[in-house]
N, C-alpha and C. Protein backbone atom coordinates (compact mmCIF):
# COMPACT_ATOMS: atom_id res chain seq x y z
N MET A 1 -14.49 -15.76 19.75
CA MET A 1 -14.09 -15.55 18.37
C MET A 1 -15.00 -14.51 17.73
N MET A 2 -14.38 -13.56 17.04
CA MET A 2 -15.14 -12.51 16.38
C MET A 2 -15.76 -13.05 15.09
N LEU A 3 -16.96 -12.61 14.82
CA LEU A 3 -17.62 -12.98 13.58
C LEU A 3 -17.22 -12.00 12.49
N PRO A 4 -17.14 -12.45 11.24
CA PRO A 4 -16.82 -11.52 10.15
C PRO A 4 -17.93 -10.49 9.98
N ALA A 5 -17.55 -9.33 9.50
CA ALA A 5 -18.52 -8.27 9.29
C ALA A 5 -19.49 -8.65 8.17
N VAL A 6 -20.71 -8.20 8.30
CA VAL A 6 -21.73 -8.41 7.27
C VAL A 6 -21.66 -7.21 6.32
N TRP A 7 -21.72 -7.48 5.02
CA TRP A 7 -21.62 -6.40 4.05
C TRP A 7 -22.93 -5.63 3.99
N SER A 8 -23.01 -4.57 4.76
CA SER A 8 -24.14 -3.66 4.75
C SER A 8 -23.67 -2.37 4.08
N PRO A 9 -24.59 -1.46 3.76
CA PRO A 9 -24.16 -0.18 3.18
C PRO A 9 -23.20 0.60 4.08
N ASP A 10 -23.41 0.55 5.39
CA ASP A 10 -22.51 1.24 6.31
C ASP A 10 -21.11 0.62 6.28
N TYR A 11 -21.05 -0.70 6.29
CA TYR A 11 -19.76 -1.39 6.25
C TYR A 11 -19.06 -1.12 4.92
N ALA A 12 -19.80 -1.13 3.84
CA ALA A 12 -19.22 -0.85 2.52
C ALA A 12 -18.67 0.57 2.48
N ALA A 13 -19.36 1.53 3.09
CA ALA A 13 -18.87 2.91 3.14
C ALA A 13 -17.57 3.00 3.93
N LEU A 14 -17.48 2.24 5.02
CA LEU A 14 -16.23 2.23 5.79
C LEU A 14 -15.09 1.62 5.01
N VAL A 15 -15.36 0.54 4.28
CA VAL A 15 -14.32 -0.10 3.47
C VAL A 15 -13.89 0.85 2.34
N LEU A 16 -14.85 1.54 1.73
CA LEU A 16 -14.54 2.52 0.69
C LEU A 16 -13.65 3.63 1.27
N LEU A 17 -14.00 4.12 2.43
CA LEU A 17 -13.20 5.16 3.09
C LEU A 17 -11.80 4.64 3.40
N MET A 18 -11.70 3.39 3.84
CA MET A 18 -10.40 2.80 4.13
C MET A 18 -9.54 2.76 2.87
N TRP A 19 -10.10 2.31 1.76
CA TRP A 19 -9.36 2.25 0.51
C TRP A 19 -8.94 3.65 0.06
N TRP A 20 -9.84 4.62 0.17
CA TRP A 20 -9.56 5.98 -0.30
C TRP A 20 -8.46 6.63 0.53
N VAL A 21 -8.54 6.51 1.85
CA VAL A 21 -7.51 7.08 2.72
C VAL A 21 -6.16 6.41 2.45
N MET A 22 -6.17 5.11 2.24
CA MET A 22 -4.93 4.40 1.93
C MET A 22 -4.34 4.90 0.61
N MET A 23 -5.18 5.08 -0.40
CA MET A 23 -4.69 5.57 -1.69
C MET A 23 -4.17 7.00 -1.57
N ILE A 24 -4.84 7.84 -0.81
CA ILE A 24 -4.36 9.21 -0.61
C ILE A 24 -3.00 9.20 0.07
N ALA A 25 -2.87 8.39 1.11
CA ALA A 25 -1.60 8.33 1.85
C ALA A 25 -0.46 7.85 0.96
N MET A 26 -0.74 6.93 0.05
CA MET A 26 0.32 6.39 -0.79
C MET A 26 0.57 7.22 -2.04
N MET A 27 -0.46 7.80 -2.62
CA MET A 27 -0.31 8.42 -3.93
C MET A 27 -0.19 9.95 -3.92
N LEU A 28 -0.71 10.61 -2.92
CA LEU A 28 -0.66 12.07 -2.90
C LEU A 28 0.78 12.60 -2.86
N PRO A 29 1.71 11.99 -2.12
CA PRO A 29 3.08 12.49 -2.16
C PRO A 29 3.71 12.44 -3.55
N SER A 30 3.30 11.52 -4.39
CA SER A 30 3.88 11.43 -5.72
C SER A 30 3.31 12.47 -6.68
N VAL A 31 2.13 12.99 -6.41
CA VAL A 31 1.54 13.99 -7.30
C VAL A 31 1.80 15.42 -6.82
N ALA A 32 2.26 15.58 -5.61
CA ALA A 32 2.50 16.93 -5.08
C ALA A 32 3.51 17.71 -5.93
N PRO A 33 4.65 17.12 -6.35
CA PRO A 33 5.56 17.89 -7.21
C PRO A 33 4.95 18.28 -8.54
N ILE A 34 4.13 17.42 -9.12
CA ILE A 34 3.48 17.74 -10.39
C ILE A 34 2.48 18.87 -10.19
N ASN A 35 1.77 18.86 -9.08
CA ASN A 35 0.81 19.92 -8.78
C ASN A 35 1.54 21.26 -8.60
N ILE A 36 2.69 21.24 -7.94
CA ILE A 36 3.49 22.46 -7.76
C ILE A 36 4.02 22.93 -9.11
N LEU A 37 4.50 22.01 -9.93
CA LEU A 37 4.97 22.36 -11.27
C LEU A 37 3.85 22.97 -12.10
N TYR A 38 2.67 22.38 -12.03
CA TYR A 38 1.51 22.88 -12.78
C TYR A 38 1.19 24.32 -12.36
N SER A 39 1.13 24.58 -11.06
CA SER A 39 0.81 25.94 -10.62
C SER A 39 1.93 26.91 -10.97
N THR A 40 3.19 26.46 -10.93
CA THR A 40 4.31 27.32 -11.32
C THR A 40 4.25 27.66 -12.80
N LEU A 41 3.94 26.69 -13.64
CA LEU A 41 3.83 26.95 -15.08
C LEU A 41 2.68 27.90 -15.38
N ILE A 42 1.59 27.75 -14.67
CA ILE A 42 0.45 28.66 -14.88
C ILE A 42 0.84 30.07 -14.46
N ARG A 43 1.51 30.19 -13.32
CA ARG A 43 1.93 31.50 -12.83
C ARG A 43 2.89 32.16 -13.81
N GLN A 44 3.82 31.40 -14.38
CA GLN A 44 4.81 31.95 -15.31
C GLN A 44 4.22 32.27 -16.68
N SER A 45 3.10 31.64 -17.03
CA SER A 45 2.52 31.87 -18.36
C SER A 45 1.55 33.04 -18.39
N ASN A 46 1.45 33.79 -17.31
CA ASN A 46 0.55 34.95 -17.22
C ASN A 46 -0.90 34.56 -17.53
N HIS A 47 -1.30 33.43 -17.03
CA HIS A 47 -2.67 32.95 -17.22
C HIS A 47 -3.62 33.84 -16.44
N GLU A 48 -4.80 34.06 -16.97
CA GLU A 48 -5.75 34.98 -16.34
C GLU A 48 -6.37 34.43 -15.07
N GLN A 49 -6.52 33.11 -14.98
CA GLN A 49 -7.15 32.53 -13.80
C GLN A 49 -6.14 32.37 -12.67
N ASN A 50 -6.65 32.23 -11.47
CA ASN A 50 -5.82 32.08 -10.28
C ASN A 50 -5.13 30.70 -10.31
N PRO A 51 -3.80 30.67 -10.24
CA PRO A 51 -3.09 29.38 -10.27
C PRO A 51 -3.48 28.46 -9.11
N ALA A 52 -3.77 29.01 -7.95
CA ALA A 52 -4.14 28.19 -6.80
C ALA A 52 -5.46 27.46 -7.06
N ILE A 53 -6.40 28.14 -7.70
CA ILE A 53 -7.70 27.51 -8.00
C ILE A 53 -7.52 26.40 -9.03
N LEU A 54 -6.71 26.65 -10.04
CA LEU A 54 -6.47 25.62 -11.06
C LEU A 54 -5.72 24.42 -10.47
N ALA A 55 -4.75 24.69 -9.60
CA ALA A 55 -4.02 23.59 -8.97
C ALA A 55 -4.95 22.80 -8.04
N ALA A 56 -5.82 23.49 -7.33
CA ALA A 56 -6.79 22.80 -6.46
C ALA A 56 -7.75 21.97 -7.29
N THR A 57 -8.17 22.48 -8.44
CA THR A 57 -9.05 21.73 -9.33
C THR A 57 -8.34 20.47 -9.82
N PHE A 58 -7.08 20.59 -10.19
CA PHE A 58 -6.29 19.43 -10.60
C PHE A 58 -6.23 18.40 -9.47
N LEU A 59 -5.98 18.86 -8.25
CA LEU A 59 -5.88 17.96 -7.11
C LEU A 59 -7.21 17.29 -6.79
N VAL A 60 -8.31 18.03 -6.88
CA VAL A 60 -9.63 17.44 -6.64
C VAL A 60 -9.94 16.37 -7.69
N GLY A 61 -9.59 16.63 -8.94
CA GLY A 61 -9.78 15.62 -9.98
C GLY A 61 -8.94 14.38 -9.73
N TYR A 62 -7.72 14.57 -9.25
CA TYR A 62 -6.85 13.45 -8.92
C TYR A 62 -7.44 12.62 -7.79
N LEU A 63 -7.93 13.29 -6.75
CA LEU A 63 -8.54 12.58 -5.63
C LEU A 63 -9.84 11.89 -6.04
N ALA A 64 -10.58 12.51 -6.96
CA ALA A 64 -11.82 11.89 -7.45
C ALA A 64 -11.51 10.60 -8.22
N ALA A 65 -10.40 10.60 -8.95
CA ALA A 65 -10.01 9.37 -9.66
C ALA A 65 -9.72 8.26 -8.66
N TRP A 66 -9.12 8.59 -7.52
CA TRP A 66 -8.84 7.57 -6.51
C TRP A 66 -10.10 7.14 -5.78
N VAL A 67 -11.11 8.00 -5.71
CA VAL A 67 -12.41 7.56 -5.16
C VAL A 67 -12.99 6.49 -6.08
N PHE A 68 -12.89 6.72 -7.38
CA PHE A 68 -13.39 5.74 -8.35
C PHE A 68 -12.63 4.41 -8.20
N PHE A 69 -11.31 4.48 -8.08
CA PHE A 69 -10.53 3.26 -7.86
C PHE A 69 -10.95 2.58 -6.56
N SER A 70 -11.15 3.37 -5.51
CA SER A 70 -11.54 2.81 -4.21
C SER A 70 -12.90 2.14 -4.29
N LEU A 71 -13.80 2.69 -5.09
CA LEU A 71 -15.11 2.07 -5.29
C LEU A 71 -14.94 0.70 -5.97
N ILE A 72 -14.10 0.64 -6.98
CA ILE A 72 -13.85 -0.63 -7.66
C ILE A 72 -13.21 -1.63 -6.69
N ALA A 73 -12.25 -1.17 -5.89
CA ALA A 73 -11.58 -2.06 -4.93
C ALA A 73 -12.57 -2.56 -3.87
N THR A 74 -13.49 -1.70 -3.44
CA THR A 74 -14.50 -2.10 -2.45
C THR A 74 -15.43 -3.16 -3.02
N VAL A 75 -15.89 -2.94 -4.24
CA VAL A 75 -16.77 -3.92 -4.88
C VAL A 75 -16.03 -5.24 -5.09
N LEU A 76 -14.79 -5.16 -5.54
CA LEU A 76 -14.00 -6.38 -5.75
C LEU A 76 -13.76 -7.11 -4.43
N GLN A 77 -13.45 -6.37 -3.38
CA GLN A 77 -13.25 -7.00 -2.08
C GLN A 77 -14.52 -7.68 -1.59
N SER A 78 -15.65 -7.01 -1.75
CA SER A 78 -16.90 -7.62 -1.29
C SER A 78 -17.22 -8.88 -2.09
N LEU A 79 -17.02 -8.82 -3.42
CA LEU A 79 -17.29 -10.00 -4.25
C LEU A 79 -16.36 -11.16 -3.89
N LEU A 80 -15.09 -10.86 -3.69
CA LEU A 80 -14.14 -11.92 -3.34
C LEU A 80 -14.45 -12.52 -1.97
N GLU A 81 -14.89 -11.68 -1.03
CA GLU A 81 -15.26 -12.21 0.29
C GLU A 81 -16.53 -13.04 0.22
N LEU A 82 -17.53 -12.53 -0.49
CA LEU A 82 -18.81 -13.24 -0.56
C LEU A 82 -18.70 -14.55 -1.35
N ARG A 83 -17.79 -14.60 -2.31
CA ARG A 83 -17.59 -15.83 -3.09
C ARG A 83 -16.65 -16.81 -2.39
N GLY A 84 -16.00 -16.37 -1.32
CA GLY A 84 -15.14 -17.26 -0.55
C GLY A 84 -13.69 -17.30 -1.01
N PHE A 85 -13.28 -16.40 -1.92
CA PHE A 85 -11.90 -16.38 -2.37
C PHE A 85 -10.99 -15.67 -1.38
N VAL A 86 -11.57 -14.81 -0.54
CA VAL A 86 -10.81 -14.05 0.45
C VAL A 86 -11.42 -14.32 1.81
N SER A 87 -10.58 -14.57 2.79
CA SER A 87 -11.04 -14.76 4.16
C SER A 87 -11.37 -13.39 4.76
N PRO A 88 -12.61 -13.18 5.20
CA PRO A 88 -12.97 -11.86 5.72
C PRO A 88 -12.26 -11.50 7.02
N MET A 89 -11.86 -12.46 7.81
CA MET A 89 -11.21 -12.17 9.08
C MET A 89 -9.72 -11.87 8.91
N GLN A 90 -9.07 -12.53 7.98
CA GLN A 90 -7.63 -12.35 7.81
C GLN A 90 -7.28 -11.54 6.58
N ILE A 91 -8.26 -11.25 5.73
CA ILE A 91 -8.04 -10.58 4.45
C ILE A 91 -6.90 -11.29 3.70
N SER A 92 -6.99 -12.57 3.61
CA SER A 92 -6.00 -13.36 2.88
C SER A 92 -6.74 -14.25 1.88
N LEU A 93 -6.05 -14.62 0.83
CA LEU A 93 -6.65 -15.45 -0.20
C LEU A 93 -6.85 -16.87 0.31
N THR A 94 -7.98 -17.44 -0.02
CA THR A 94 -8.25 -18.82 0.38
C THR A 94 -8.07 -19.78 -0.79
N SER A 95 -8.00 -19.26 -2.00
CA SER A 95 -7.87 -20.10 -3.19
C SER A 95 -6.40 -20.17 -3.62
N GLN A 96 -5.90 -21.38 -3.75
CA GLN A 96 -4.52 -21.54 -4.21
C GLN A 96 -4.38 -21.18 -5.68
N ILE A 97 -5.44 -21.35 -6.44
CA ILE A 97 -5.40 -21.01 -7.87
C ILE A 97 -5.29 -19.50 -8.04
N VAL A 98 -6.08 -18.74 -7.30
CA VAL A 98 -6.01 -17.28 -7.38
C VAL A 98 -4.64 -16.80 -6.88
N SER A 99 -4.15 -17.39 -5.80
CA SER A 99 -2.83 -17.02 -5.28
C SER A 99 -1.75 -17.29 -6.32
N ALA A 100 -1.80 -18.44 -6.97
CA ALA A 100 -0.82 -18.77 -8.00
C ALA A 100 -0.92 -17.81 -9.18
N GLY A 101 -2.14 -17.44 -9.57
CA GLY A 101 -2.32 -16.49 -10.67
C GLY A 101 -1.72 -15.13 -10.36
N ILE A 102 -1.89 -14.67 -9.15
CA ILE A 102 -1.32 -13.38 -8.76
C ILE A 102 0.20 -13.45 -8.76
N LEU A 103 0.75 -14.53 -8.24
CA LEU A 103 2.21 -14.69 -8.24
C LEU A 103 2.77 -14.78 -9.66
N ILE A 104 2.06 -15.44 -10.55
CA ILE A 104 2.51 -15.54 -11.95
C ILE A 104 2.49 -14.16 -12.59
N CYS A 105 1.42 -13.40 -12.35
CA CYS A 105 1.35 -12.03 -12.91
C CYS A 105 2.47 -11.16 -12.37
N ALA A 106 2.75 -11.26 -11.07
CA ALA A 106 3.85 -10.49 -10.48
C ALA A 106 5.19 -10.92 -11.08
N GLY A 107 5.36 -12.20 -11.33
CA GLY A 107 6.59 -12.69 -11.95
C GLY A 107 6.73 -12.21 -13.39
N LEU A 108 5.64 -12.21 -14.15
CA LEU A 108 5.69 -11.73 -15.53
C LEU A 108 6.03 -10.25 -15.58
N TYR A 109 5.54 -9.50 -14.60
CA TYR A 109 5.85 -8.07 -14.56
C TYR A 109 7.36 -7.84 -14.40
N GLN A 110 8.03 -8.77 -13.74
CA GLN A 110 9.46 -8.62 -13.49
C GLN A 110 10.31 -8.86 -14.74
N LEU A 111 9.72 -9.39 -15.81
CA LEU A 111 10.48 -9.59 -17.03
C LEU A 111 10.97 -8.23 -17.53
N PRO A 112 12.24 -8.10 -17.86
CA PRO A 112 12.82 -6.78 -18.18
C PRO A 112 12.13 -6.05 -19.32
N GLN A 113 11.77 -6.71 -20.40
CA GLN A 113 11.17 -6.01 -21.53
C GLN A 113 9.82 -5.42 -21.15
N TRP A 114 9.00 -6.17 -20.46
CA TRP A 114 7.68 -5.69 -20.05
C TRP A 114 7.83 -4.55 -19.04
N ARG A 115 8.71 -4.72 -18.06
CA ARG A 115 8.90 -3.69 -17.03
C ARG A 115 9.42 -2.41 -17.66
N ASN A 116 10.36 -2.50 -18.60
CA ASN A 116 10.89 -1.31 -19.27
C ASN A 116 9.80 -0.61 -20.06
N TYR A 117 8.93 -1.37 -20.70
CA TYR A 117 7.83 -0.77 -21.45
C TYR A 117 6.90 0.00 -20.52
N VAL A 118 6.52 -0.62 -19.41
CA VAL A 118 5.62 0.03 -18.46
C VAL A 118 6.28 1.27 -17.87
N CYS A 119 7.55 1.17 -17.52
CA CYS A 119 8.25 2.32 -16.94
C CYS A 119 8.43 3.44 -17.97
N SER A 120 8.59 3.11 -19.24
CA SER A 120 8.72 4.15 -20.26
C SER A 120 7.41 4.92 -20.41
N ILE A 121 6.28 4.26 -20.24
CA ILE A 121 4.99 4.95 -20.29
C ILE A 121 4.87 5.90 -19.11
N ALA A 122 5.38 5.49 -17.95
CA ALA A 122 5.30 6.33 -16.76
C ALA A 122 6.18 7.57 -16.88
N GLU A 123 7.18 7.56 -17.73
CA GLU A 123 8.08 8.69 -17.90
C GLU A 123 7.53 9.75 -18.85
N ILE A 124 6.52 9.42 -19.64
CA ILE A 124 6.01 10.36 -20.64
C ILE A 124 5.58 11.70 -20.04
N PRO A 125 4.85 11.74 -18.91
CA PRO A 125 4.42 13.04 -18.40
C PRO A 125 5.57 13.98 -18.03
N ARG A 126 6.75 13.48 -17.73
CA ARG A 126 7.87 14.36 -17.41
C ARG A 126 8.30 15.16 -18.63
N ASN A 127 8.06 14.67 -19.83
CA ASN A 127 8.49 15.36 -21.03
C ASN A 127 7.46 16.36 -21.54
N ILE A 128 6.23 16.23 -21.17
CA ILE A 128 5.18 17.10 -21.70
C ILE A 128 5.37 18.57 -21.32
N PRO A 129 5.66 18.93 -20.05
CA PRO A 129 5.77 20.34 -19.71
C PRO A 129 6.94 21.04 -20.36
N GLN A 130 7.89 20.34 -20.93
CA GLN A 130 9.07 20.98 -21.47
C GLN A 130 8.80 21.87 -22.66
N LYS A 131 7.65 21.77 -23.27
CA LYS A 131 7.34 22.65 -24.39
C LYS A 131 7.02 24.07 -23.93
N SER A 132 6.92 24.29 -22.62
CA SER A 132 6.64 25.63 -22.09
C SER A 132 7.91 26.43 -21.87
N GLY A 133 9.04 25.96 -22.32
CA GLY A 133 10.29 26.69 -22.16
C GLY A 133 11.23 25.99 -21.22
N ASP A 134 12.15 26.75 -20.67
CA ASP A 134 13.18 26.17 -19.82
C ASP A 134 12.75 26.00 -18.38
N LEU A 135 11.58 26.47 -18.01
CA LEU A 135 11.15 26.41 -16.62
C LEU A 135 10.93 24.98 -16.15
N ALA A 136 10.25 24.16 -16.96
CA ALA A 136 9.93 22.80 -16.54
C ALA A 136 11.17 21.96 -16.25
N PRO A 137 12.19 21.92 -17.13
CA PRO A 137 13.37 21.11 -16.81
C PRO A 137 14.06 21.61 -15.54
N LYS A 138 14.08 22.95 -15.34
CA LYS A 138 14.72 23.51 -14.15
C LYS A 138 13.99 23.05 -12.90
N VAL A 139 12.65 23.17 -12.89
CA VAL A 139 11.86 22.78 -11.72
C VAL A 139 11.97 21.29 -11.47
N LEU A 140 11.91 20.48 -12.55
CA LEU A 140 12.02 19.03 -12.38
C LEU A 140 13.39 18.63 -11.86
N SER A 141 14.46 19.32 -12.31
CA SER A 141 15.79 18.95 -11.83
C SER A 141 15.98 19.31 -10.37
N GLU A 142 15.29 20.34 -9.90
CA GLU A 142 15.37 20.70 -8.49
C GLU A 142 14.74 19.64 -7.60
N TRP A 143 13.73 18.92 -8.11
CA TRP A 143 13.06 17.89 -7.33
C TRP A 143 13.79 16.55 -7.39
N GLY A 144 14.78 16.45 -8.20
CA GLY A 144 15.53 15.21 -8.27
C GLY A 144 15.17 14.44 -9.47
């Protein structure tokens, strides 16, 4: 039987890297169209700086935000494992109370009014670039 890993700085760095790579794999495809739109708008606005550099800066900031999230997830995972709420070998919850709380939160999210409110907030960034003229709606409609 394998023993659970001991939380050392090296192990924490590996868990942080695991969280970050997972977040990049899941979230980078959703920001790629926005990054392309951003560089297209910069190019069309005759901005003095290089659009590729500005788009890369945007992307680095986005990835840095996910490093911060990954750090929080790593700390939370270590605390939950050390407190016994999460099984280190199976990465599953050991507390029925915590499991029930998560299921209740997921169920509350499914309520239509709350879900519509959250989804309406997520739609706000699609409307912001439209003040730059007709380019943004055209580019957004091409992406679906």
